[in-house]
Amino acid sequence: MRRVLVTGLGGAGRTTVAAATALAAAATGRRTLLLSAEADAVLGVPVTGTPARPARIADGLWAGLVDAGADFRAEFLDLQERASAGLDLLGAARLEDEELTELPGSDQFALLRALTVASRGDWDVLVVDMPPLRETIALLALPEQLRRYLRRLLPAERQAARALRPMLAQLAGVPMPAQWLYETAERWDTELAGVQSVIESGNTALTLVAEPGPAAADALRTARAGLGLFGHRVETVVANRCVPEGAEDPFVASLAAQQERCRKEWVATWIPAGSVCLLPHLGRDPRGLDDLARLQKEANRCSFAHAFTENPEGYDLDGLVAALHGDREGPRPGPGRVENVYEEAVRRQEWITPLADTDTIWHDRDGEIPKEPEPADDGTLVWHLGLPGAVKEQLTLVRRGDELLITVGPFRRILPLPSALRRCTVAGAGLKDDTLSVRFTPDPALWPRAR
């Protein structure tokens, strides 16, 4: 199943692009499901289906409404039932379905659950209308973060000692966590693991929607580093509401020139790893299946790349369905790669200097391995992490136990160190060519050398 998560800047037309992408996928013969909280106006028909039981909209296209209120009530009542014994002891009065109103943040959890439920269905393509870009990055990081919190607050190994809890409670003088709490935490962890596996699947990609302009360019520039930090793959950047070039009206001509400059930057930034798709301004808000079909028909992937790239023939012109190409089943690669400096230098037959001087490399003219200078085989390891668009001044690193805290601008991620690096100390770091390289040296106290 190919999953396309459509996000972008607020007010840029995310829902419209999500619906047009789903319709374009269905037109190719793929069974397609669209998930959205507000697609009724764009589709031109009311969406009455749910993520589990979607409603048919057109040939090959179904839609499910993400209802945060219904999801919150169902989850709250389920939790209330599981904690019924403790609530009865406290004399608490039960809350009924009719008196429950969703709390702030409920829509994010509802969307994650809908994504998981829909991913179990027999669909070829799943298109999800996501929140604005910054919120989406935070939302997609939520399962990983919550699972880390659960592991810290309720370690799994403590569950093995549940038979000793009465005695431990007497010795410690404080009540031990009830079994239902561990069971609830285990259930949450299982659900979060399912969502995380969907997010980190090789068949899950993002489509970014923005209206070309200086503000949009700045926002995507900032978000690019955050997307790289969390390992999200951007398949398509949609330049939406593009006005026609060559207009006689000075205002329209000025706007077209501004959009062209922005699109030129996006082509240079996102191609060839992803694609850039141009959608025209229809002169009105798109509404109904006919307008959505027209957007796909007039969309021309990299249509403006012919003027900006040296090899325009190397790019296909297939509009919004560019996000559906390729089959990448299985989890995406883990964060970064670990390199043994000495072994890598021998493999490439070159000697490299310390990380602080990465621009200096010694080569022998005849390809022979030089005798001097010769690096010591001290077991130095380098962890390479791709951070496209990151700026050195906005990058901070903190080693805490077996984790590395990385902050890039407004984004932060806590990464567990690979096992080989947990017995090492950080010796330095450098940012070059959109790659963060962190240098580790073995800690003799934890990893003594064999004599």
Protein backbone atom coordinates (compact mmCIF):
# COMPACT_ATOMS: atom_id res chain seq x y z
CA MET A 1 0.00 0.00 0.00
CA ARG A 2 1.34 3.42 -0.97
CA ARG A 3 0.60 6.10 1.65
CA VAL A 4 0.71 9.76 0.66
CA LEU A 5 0.59 12.23 3.56
CA VAL A 6 -0.36 15.64 2.19
CA THR A 7 0.78 18.58 4.31
CA GLY A 8 2.04 22.08 3.71
CA LEU A 9 1.61 25.65 4.79
CA GLY A 10 -1.63 26.87 6.34
CA GLY A 11 -4.13 28.04 3.74
CA ALA A 12 -2.08 26.73 0.81
CA GLY A 13 -4.75 24.24 -0.32
CA ARG A 14 -3.68 21.01 1.39
CA THR A 15 -7.17 19.49 1.39
CA THR A 16 -7.67 20.36 -2.27
CA VAL A 17 -4.36 18.78 -3.28
CA ALA A 18 -5.07 15.69 -1.14
CA ALA A 19 -8.46 15.21 -2.81
CA ALA A 20 -7.01 15.84 -6.30
CA THR A 21 -4.18 13.35 -5.62
CA ALA A 22 -6.65 10.70 -4.47
CA LEU A 23 -8.84 11.26 -7.56
CA ALA A 24 -5.79 11.09 -9.82
CA ALA A 25 -4.72 7.80 -8.19
CA ALA A 26 -8.20 6.34 -8.62
CA ALA A 27 -8.17 7.36 -12.29
CA THR A 28 -5.14 5.08 -12.83
CA GLY A 29 -7.10 2.04 -11.64
CA ARG A 30 -5.80 1.98 -8.06
CA ARG A 31 -8.22 1.38 -5.19
CA THR A 32 -7.80 4.64 -3.30
CA LEU A 33 -8.91 5.84 0.12
CA LEU A 34 -8.92 9.51 1.13
CA LEU A 35 -8.86 10.41 4.84
CA SER A 36 -9.75 13.96 5.81
CA ALA A 37 -11.54 15.92 8.50
CA GLU A 38 -12.93 18.50 6.09
CA ALA A 39 -13.04 17.18 2.52
CA ASP A 40 -16.79 17.69 2.04
CA ALA A 41 -16.52 21.17 0.52
CA VAL A 42 -13.68 20.21 -1.82
CA LEU A 43 -15.29 16.98 -3.02
CA GLY A 44 -18.65 18.69 -3.42
CA VAL A 45 -20.44 15.80 -1.69
CA PRO A 46 -20.89 15.02 2.03
CA VAL A 47 -18.46 12.44 3.39
CA THR A 48 -20.41 10.04 5.60
CA GLY A 49 -17.93 7.17 5.79
CA THR A 50 -15.40 6.42 8.50
CA PRO A 51 -11.78 5.23 8.24
CA ALA A 52 -13.00 1.70 8.99
CA ARG A 53 -16.07 1.91 6.71
CA PRO A 54 -15.43 4.58 4.06
CA ALA A 55 -18.03 5.79 1.59
CA ARG A 56 -17.65 5.48 -2.17
CA ILE A 57 -17.18 8.85 -3.89
CA ALA A 58 -16.28 7.89 -7.47
CA ASP A 59 -14.97 4.94 -9.45
CA GLY A 60 -12.05 3.55 -7.45
CA LEU A 61 -12.25 6.33 -4.83
CA TRP A 62 -13.54 6.07 -1.27
CA ALA A 63 -13.40 8.66 1.52
CA GLY A 64 -13.45 8.44 5.31
CA LEU A 65 -14.14 11.29 7.72
CA VAL A 66 -11.73 11.68 10.63
CA ASP A 67 -14.09 12.56 13.49
CA ALA A 68 -12.05 13.71 16.50
CA GLY A 69 -15.13 13.95 18.75
CA ALA A 70 -16.31 10.39 18.14
CA ASP A 71 -12.78 9.05 18.52
CA PHE A 72 -12.26 10.89 21.82
CA ARG A 73 -15.53 9.62 23.27
CA ALA A 74 -14.81 6.02 22.31
CA GLU A 75 -11.29 6.08 23.77
CA PHE A 76 -12.36 7.87 26.96
CA LEU A 77 -15.20 5.44 27.64
CA ASP A 78 -12.88 2.49 27.01
CA LEU A 79 -10.31 3.86 29.46
CA GLN A 80 -13.06 4.56 32.01
CA GLU A 81 -14.22 0.96 31.75
CA ARG A 82 -10.70 -0.39 32.24
CA ALA A 83 -10.23 1.74 35.35
CA SER A 84 -13.71 0.97 36.70
CA ALA A 85 -12.45 -0.88 39.79
CA GLY A 86 -10.36 2.05 40.98
CA LEU A 87 -13.06 4.57 40.14
CA ASP A 88 -15.66 2.57 42.09
CA LEU A 89 -13.40 2.54 45.15
CA LEU A 90 -13.18 6.32 44.93
CA GLY A 91 -16.93 6.63 44.54
CA ALA A 92 -16.53 8.42 41.22
CA ALA A 93 -19.60 9.02 39.07
CA ARG A 94 -19.29 7.61 35.57
CA LEU A 95 -19.37 9.96 32.57
CA GLU A 96 -21.76 9.17 29.74
CA ASP A 97 -21.16 9.46 26.00
CA GLU A 98 -23.55 12.40 25.61
CA GLU A 99 -21.73 14.63 28.10
CA LEU A 100 -18.23 14.19 26.67
CA THR A 101 -16.59 16.90 24.58
CA GLU A 102 -13.21 16.34 23.00
CA LEU A 103 -10.19 18.03 24.53
CA PRO A 104 -7.51 20.03 22.67
CA GLY A 105 -5.16 17.65 20.89
CA SER A 106 -7.84 15.01 20.32
CA ASP A 107 -7.78 15.58 16.56
CA GLN A 108 -4.09 14.57 16.36
CA PHE A 109 -4.67 11.26 18.13
CA ALA A 110 -7.78 10.63 16.04
CA LEU A 111 -5.79 11.17 12.86
CA LEU A 112 -3.05 8.75 13.96
CA ARG A 113 -5.61 6.09 14.84
CA ALA A 114 -7.39 6.62 11.51
CA LEU A 115 -4.07 6.21 9.69
CA THR A 116 -3.47 2.91 11.48
CA VAL A 117 -6.98 1.58 10.87
CA ALA A 118 -6.93 2.51 7.18
CA SER A 119 -3.50 0.92 6.72
CA ARG A 120 -5.01 -2.45 7.60
CA GLY A 121 -7.45 -2.20 4.69
CA ASP A 122 -7.13 -3.64 1.21
CA TRP A 123 -6.18 -0.38 -0.53
CA ASP A 124 -3.63 0.33 -3.22
CA VAL A 125 -3.24 3.98 -2.23
CA LEU A 126 -4.03 5.81 0.98
CA VAL A 127 -4.05 9.63 0.82
CA VAL A 128 -4.24 11.49 4.14
CA ASP A 129 -5.08 15.18 4.52
CA MET A 130 -2.62 16.22 7.25
CA PRO A 131 -2.40 19.37 9.45
CA PRO A 132 -0.03 22.24 8.54
CA LEU A 133 3.61 21.34 8.04
CA ARG A 134 5.08 22.21 11.45
CA GLU A 135 2.20 20.43 13.19
CA THR A 136 2.60 17.40 10.93
CA ILE A 137 6.29 17.04 11.75
CA ALA A 138 5.45 17.14 15.47
CA LEU A 139 2.52 14.75 14.99
CA LEU A 140 4.56 12.15 13.11
CA ALA A 141 7.20 12.29 15.86
CA LEU A 142 4.60 11.71 18.59
CA PRO A 143 4.52 7.86 18.58
CA GLU A 144 8.29 7.65 18.96
CA GLN A 145 8.30 10.23 21.76
CA LEU A 146 5.38 8.71 23.68
CA ARG A 147 6.90 5.23 23.52
CA ARG A 148 10.11 6.64 24.99
CA TYR A 149 8.15 8.25 27.83
CA LEU A 150 6.34 4.97 28.56
CA ARG A 151 9.62 3.05 28.66
CA ARG A 152 11.07 5.58 31.12
CA LEU A 153 8.04 5.89 33.39
CA LEU A 154 6.86 2.27 33.34
CA PRO A 155 9.84 0.06 32.44
CA ALA A 156 8.81 -3.33 31.10
CA GLU A 157 11.23 -5.14 33.43
CA ARG A 158 9.24 -3.96 36.46
CA GLN A 159 6.25 -5.94 35.29
CA ALA A 160 8.18 -9.15 35.91
CA ALA A 161 8.20 -8.34 39.62
CA ARG A 162 4.43 -8.00 39.95
CA ALA A 163 4.29 -11.04 42.26
CA LEU A 164 6.51 -9.13 44.69
CA ARG A 165 4.49 -5.92 44.63
CA PRO A 166 2.62 -6.48 47.93
CA MET A 167 5.88 -7.11 49.76
CA LEU A 168 7.64 -4.21 47.99
CA ALA A 169 4.76 -1.91 48.87
CA GLN A 170 5.13 -2.80 52.56
CA LEU A 171 8.90 -2.33 52.49
CA ALA A 172 8.77 0.94 50.60
CA GLY A 173 5.77 2.25 52.47
CA VAL A 174 4.12 3.43 49.24
CA PRO A 175 1.55 1.71 47.03
CA MET A 176 2.91 0.05 43.90
CA PRO A 177 1.35 0.69 40.47
CA ALA A 178 -1.73 -1.40 39.83
CA GLN A 179 -1.69 -4.15 37.22
CA TRP A 180 -4.25 -2.34 35.07
CA LEU A 181 -1.82 0.54 34.71
CA TYR A 182 0.86 -1.72 33.25
CA GLU A 183 -1.68 -3.43 31.01
CA THR A 184 -2.90 -0.05 29.75
CA ALA A 185 0.68 1.11 29.13
CA GLU A 186 1.41 -2.12 27.25
CA ARG A 187 -1.69 -1.64 25.10
CA TRP A 188 -0.73 1.96 24.36
CA ASP A 189 2.80 0.91 23.46
CA THR A 190 1.47 -1.73 21.06
CA GLU A 191 -0.82 0.80 19.38
CA LEU A 192 1.94 3.40 19.16
CA ALA A 193 4.32 0.82 17.71
CA GLY A 194 1.76 0.10 15.00
CA VAL A 195 1.44 3.78 14.13
CA GLN A 196 5.21 4.21 14.17
CA SER A 197 5.70 1.28 11.78
CA VAL A 198 3.24 2.89 9.35
CA ILE A 199 4.97 6.27 9.55
CA GLU A 200 8.42 4.74 9.12
CA SER A 201 7.40 2.44 6.26
CA GLY A 202 9.29 2.79 3.02
CA ASN A 203 5.93 3.15 1.27
CA THR A 204 4.97 6.26 3.25
CA ALA A 205 5.95 9.61 1.76
CA LEU A 206 5.01 13.25 2.11
CA THR A 207 3.60 15.72 -0.38
CA LEU A 208 4.26 19.36 0.52
CA VAL A 209 1.83 22.04 -0.64
CA ALA A 210 2.72 25.73 -0.76
CA GLU A 211 1.81 28.81 -2.74
CA PRO A 212 5.09 30.08 -4.25
CA GLY A 213 6.37 33.23 -2.58
CA PRO A 214 9.07 34.52 -0.21
CA ALA A 215 7.23 33.47 2.97
CA ALA A 216 6.61 29.97 1.62
CA ALA A 217 10.24 29.66 0.54
CA ASP A 218 11.43 30.58 4.04
CA ALA A 219 9.02 28.15 5.68
CA LEU A 220 10.02 25.20 3.49
CA ARG A 221 13.69 26.05 3.97
CA THR A 222 13.26 25.80 7.75
CA ALA A 223 11.10 22.69 7.62
CA ARG A 224 13.48 20.83 5.32
CA ALA A 225 15.99 20.29 8.12
CA GLY A 226 13.24 19.06 10.43
CA LEU A 227 11.98 16.60 7.82
CA GLY A 228 15.52 15.29 7.40
CA LEU A 229 16.05 15.03 11.16
CA PHE A 230 13.07 12.69 11.49
CA GLY A 231 13.87 10.81 8.29
CA HIS A 232 10.71 11.73 6.37
CA ARG A 233 10.86 11.33 2.61
CA VAL A 234 9.31 14.10 0.53
CA GLU A 235 8.10 12.68 -2.76
CA THR A 236 6.46 15.78 -4.25
CA VAL A 237 6.43 19.53 -3.68
CA VAL A 238 3.28 21.09 -5.10
CA ALA A 239 3.48 24.73 -6.14
CA ASN A 240 -0.20 25.57 -5.86
CA ARG A 241 -2.24 28.45 -7.29
CA CYS A 242 0.34 29.48 -9.87
CA VAL A 243 -0.74 32.40 -12.00
CA PRO A 244 -0.08 32.34 -15.76
CA GLU A 245 3.10 33.91 -17.08
CA GLY A 246 3.13 36.60 -19.75
CA ALA A 247 0.10 38.44 -18.41
CA GLU A 248 -0.33 42.07 -19.51
CA ASP A 249 -1.66 43.19 -16.13
CA PRO A 250 1.35 44.57 -14.14
CA PHE A 251 0.12 43.10 -10.86
CA VAL A 252 -0.30 39.59 -12.30
CA ALA A 253 3.03 39.85 -14.15
CA SER A 254 4.82 40.87 -10.94
CA LEU A 255 3.20 38.01 -9.00
CA ALA A 256 4.12 35.53 -11.75
CA ALA A 257 7.77 36.65 -11.67
CA GLN A 258 7.86 36.26 -7.87
CA GLN A 259 6.39 32.78 -8.11
CA GLU A 260 8.85 31.84 -10.83
CA ARG A 261 11.83 32.79 -8.63
CA CYS A 262 10.45 30.68 -5.81
CA ARG A 263 9.75 27.70 -8.07
CA LYS A 264 13.29 27.91 -9.41
CA GLU A 265 14.63 27.53 -5.88
CA TRP A 266 12.35 24.56 -5.21
CA VAL A 267 13.48 22.80 -8.37
CA ALA A 268 17.12 23.22 -7.33
CA THR A 269 16.36 22.07 -3.78
CA TRP A 270 13.99 19.11 -4.14
CA ILE A 271 15.00 17.57 -7.50
CA PRO A 272 16.09 14.83 -8.15
CA ALA A 273 15.32 13.30 -4.73
CA GLY A 274 11.69 14.34 -5.15
CA SER A 275 9.58 16.03 -7.77
CA VAL A 276 7.99 19.44 -8.18
CA CYS A 277 4.45 19.77 -9.49
CA LEU A 278 2.83 22.99 -10.64
CA LEU A 279 -0.92 23.48 -10.17
CA PRO A 280 -2.62 26.43 -11.87
CA HIS A 281 -4.86 28.97 -10.22
CA LEU A 282 -8.39 28.26 -11.45
CA GLY A 283 -9.59 31.76 -10.66
CA ARG A 284 -11.81 30.36 -7.91
CA ASP A 285 -11.70 27.83 -5.10
CA PRO A 286 -11.83 24.31 -6.60
CA ARG A 287 -15.03 22.50 -5.72
CA GLY A 288 -16.32 19.16 -6.94
CA LEU A 289 -14.80 16.25 -8.82
CA ASP A 290 -14.70 18.12 -12.14
CA ASP A 291 -12.45 20.85 -10.74
CA LEU A 292 -10.21 18.27 -9.07
CA ALA A 293 -9.90 16.33 -12.32
CA ARG A 294 -9.00 19.54 -14.13
CA LEU A 295 -6.20 20.23 -11.65
CA GLN A 296 -4.62 16.85 -12.37
CA LYS A 297 -5.10 17.30 -16.11
CA GLU A 298 -3.36 20.67 -16.12
CA ALA A 299 -0.73 19.71 -13.57
CA ASN A 300 2.65 19.33 -15.18
CA ARG A 301 5.30 17.84 -12.99
CA CYS A 302 8.45 19.92 -13.38
CA SER A 303 6.75 21.85 -16.17
CA PHE A 304 8.94 24.83 -15.37
CA ALA A 305 12.05 22.66 -14.89
CA HIS A 306 12.71 22.87 -18.63
CA ALA A 307 13.80 26.48 -18.15
CA PHE A 308 15.83 25.81 -15.02
CA THR A 309 17.58 22.46 -15.47
CA GLU A 310 20.32 21.36 -17.83
CA ASN A 311 18.68 18.02 -18.52
CA PRO A 312 14.88 18.48 -18.57
CA GLU A 313 14.41 15.22 -20.48
CA GLY A 314 15.50 13.37 -17.35
CA TYR A 315 12.25 14.23 -15.57
CA ASP A 316 8.86 12.66 -16.21
CA LEU A 317 5.79 14.82 -16.58
CA ASP A 318 3.05 13.03 -14.69
CA GLY A 319 1.43 15.55 -12.38
CA LEU A 320 0.16 14.56 -8.97
CA VAL A 321 0.55 10.81 -9.53
CA ALA A 322 4.31 11.29 -9.25
CA ALA A 323 3.82 10.64 -5.52
CA LEU A 324 2.63 7.10 -6.33
CA HIS A 325 5.74 5.85 -8.11
CA GLY A 326 7.99 3.11 -6.79
CA ASP A 327 7.45 0.29 -4.32
CA ARG A 328 9.42 0.51 -1.10
CA GLU A 329 7.84 -2.11 1.16
CA GLY A 330 9.49 -2.64 4.49
CA PRO A 331 10.81 -0.15 7.03
CA ARG A 332 12.90 2.75 5.86
CA PRO A 333 16.59 2.75 6.82
CA GLY A 334 17.39 3.67 10.41
CA PRO A 335 18.77 7.09 11.29
CA GLY A 336 22.30 7.55 10.02
CA ARG A 337 25.09 5.09 9.41
CA VAL A 338 28.14 4.20 11.47
CA GLU A 339 31.53 4.24 9.76
CA ASN A 340 34.81 2.83 11.03
CA VAL A 341 37.29 5.53 10.00
CA TYR A 342 40.29 3.23 9.61
CA GLU A 343 38.49 0.43 7.74
CA GLU A 344 36.76 2.90 5.41
CA ALA A 345 40.07 4.59 4.64
CA VAL A 346 41.68 1.24 3.79
CA ARG A 347 38.72 0.24 1.63
CA ARG A 348 38.97 3.46 -0.37
CA GLN A 349 42.79 3.37 -0.30
CA GLU A 350 43.04 6.84 1.14
CA TRP A 351 44.08 8.30 4.45
CA ILE A 352 41.79 10.86 6.01
CA THR A 353 42.44 13.50 8.60
CA PRO A 354 40.47 14.14 11.79
CA LEU A 355 36.92 15.41 11.46
CA ALA A 356 37.95 18.97 12.22
CA ASP A 357 39.90 19.07 8.96
CA THR A 358 37.69 17.09 6.61
CA ASP A 359 38.70 19.09 3.54
CA THR A 360 42.24 17.69 3.58
CA ILE A 361 42.74 14.25 2.07
CA TRP A 362 46.09 12.78 1.04
CA HIS A 363 46.24 10.72 -2.17
CA ASP A 364 49.15 9.13 -3.94
CA ARG A 365 49.31 10.16 -7.61
CA ASP A 366 49.79 6.56 -8.76
CA GLY A 367 46.95 5.29 -6.63
CA GLU A 368 49.31 3.64 -4.16
CA ILE A 369 48.59 3.82 -0.46
CA PRO A 370 51.04 6.32 0.99
CA LYS A 371 53.11 5.34 3.98
CA GLU A 372 52.92 8.77 5.60
CA PRO A 373 50.92 10.17 7.20
CA GLU A 374 49.36 6.96 8.52
CA PRO A 375 46.31 7.06 10.81
CA ALA A 376 46.26 4.87 13.87
CA ASP A 377 43.75 2.04 14.01
CA ASP A 378 42.26 3.37 17.24
CA GLY A 379 38.74 2.13 16.59
CA THR A 380 37.37 5.61 15.88
CA LEU A 381 33.77 5.52 14.66
CA VAL A 382 31.77 8.25 12.92
CA TRP A 383 27.99 8.44 12.95
CA HIS A 384 26.73 10.16 9.80
CA LEU A 385 23.23 11.71 9.87
CA GLY A 386 21.65 13.42 6.88
CA LEU A 387 20.36 16.89 7.75
CA PRO A 388 19.51 18.64 4.46
CA GLY A 389 19.25 22.37 4.83
CA ALA A 390 20.63 22.44 8.38
CA VAL A 391 22.60 25.51 9.46
CA LYS A 392 25.54 25.17 11.82
CA GLU A 393 24.47 28.12 13.96
CA GLN A 394 21.08 26.48 14.63
CA LEU A 395 22.45 23.02 15.41
CA THR A 396 23.11 21.73 18.94
CA LEU A 397 24.10 18.28 20.20
CA VAL A 398 23.89 16.86 23.71
CA ARG A 399 25.00 13.37 24.74
CA ARG A 400 22.90 12.02 27.60
CA GLY A 401 23.54 8.42 28.59
CA ASP A 402 22.82 6.17 25.63
CA GLU A 403 20.99 8.91 23.71
CA LEU A 404 21.94 11.84 21.52
CA LEU A 405 19.75 14.96 21.66
CA ILE A 406 19.82 16.80 18.34
CA THR A 407 18.24 20.22 17.93
CA VAL A 408 17.97 21.81 14.47
CA GLY A 409 16.27 25.18 14.62
CA PRO A 410 12.80 24.62 16.13
CA PHE A 411 13.02 20.81 15.81
CA ARG A 412 14.42 18.36 18.35
CA ARG A 413 14.85 14.61 18.27
CA ILE A 414 16.24 12.23 20.85
CA LEU A 415 17.99 9.33 19.14
CA PRO A 416 19.17 6.16 20.87
CA LEU A 417 22.80 5.53 20.05
CA PRO A 418 23.65 2.42 18.04
CA SER A 419 25.01 -0.30 20.30
CA ALA A 420 28.57 0.11 19.00
CA LEU A 421 28.61 3.78 20.08
CA ARG A 422 27.22 3.39 23.59
CA ARG A 423 30.63 2.41 24.92
CA CYS A 424 32.32 5.37 23.26
CA THR A 425 32.76 9.03 24.09
CA VAL A 426 32.01 11.91 21.73
CA ALA A 427 35.26 13.32 20.32
CA GLY A 428 33.83 15.97 18.00
CA ALA A 429 31.27 16.77 15.34
CA GLY A 430 31.03 18.58 12.04
CA LEU A 431 28.39 19.62 9.51
CA LYS A 432 29.31 19.37 5.83
CA ASP A 433 27.34 18.79 2.63
CA ASP A 434 24.03 18.46 4.52
CA THR A 435 25.48 15.67 6.67
CA LEU A 436 26.15 15.77 10.40
CA SER A 437 29.14 13.62 11.34
CA VAL A 438 29.66 12.83 15.03
CA ARG A 439 33.02 11.32 15.94
CA PHE A 440 33.23 8.67 18.68
CA THR A 441 36.28 7.09 20.31
CA PRO A 442 36.18 3.94 22.48
CA ASP A 443 35.97 4.55 26.22
CA PRO A 444 38.70 2.40 27.84
CA ALA A 445 36.66 2.11 31.01
CA LEU A 446 33.73 0.58 29.14
CA TRP A 447 35.47 -1.03 26.20
CA PRO A 448 39.01 -2.04 27.24
CA ARG A 449 41.40 -2.96 24.47
CA ALA A 450 42.57 -6.53 24.18
CA ARG A 451 46.31 -6.95 24.63
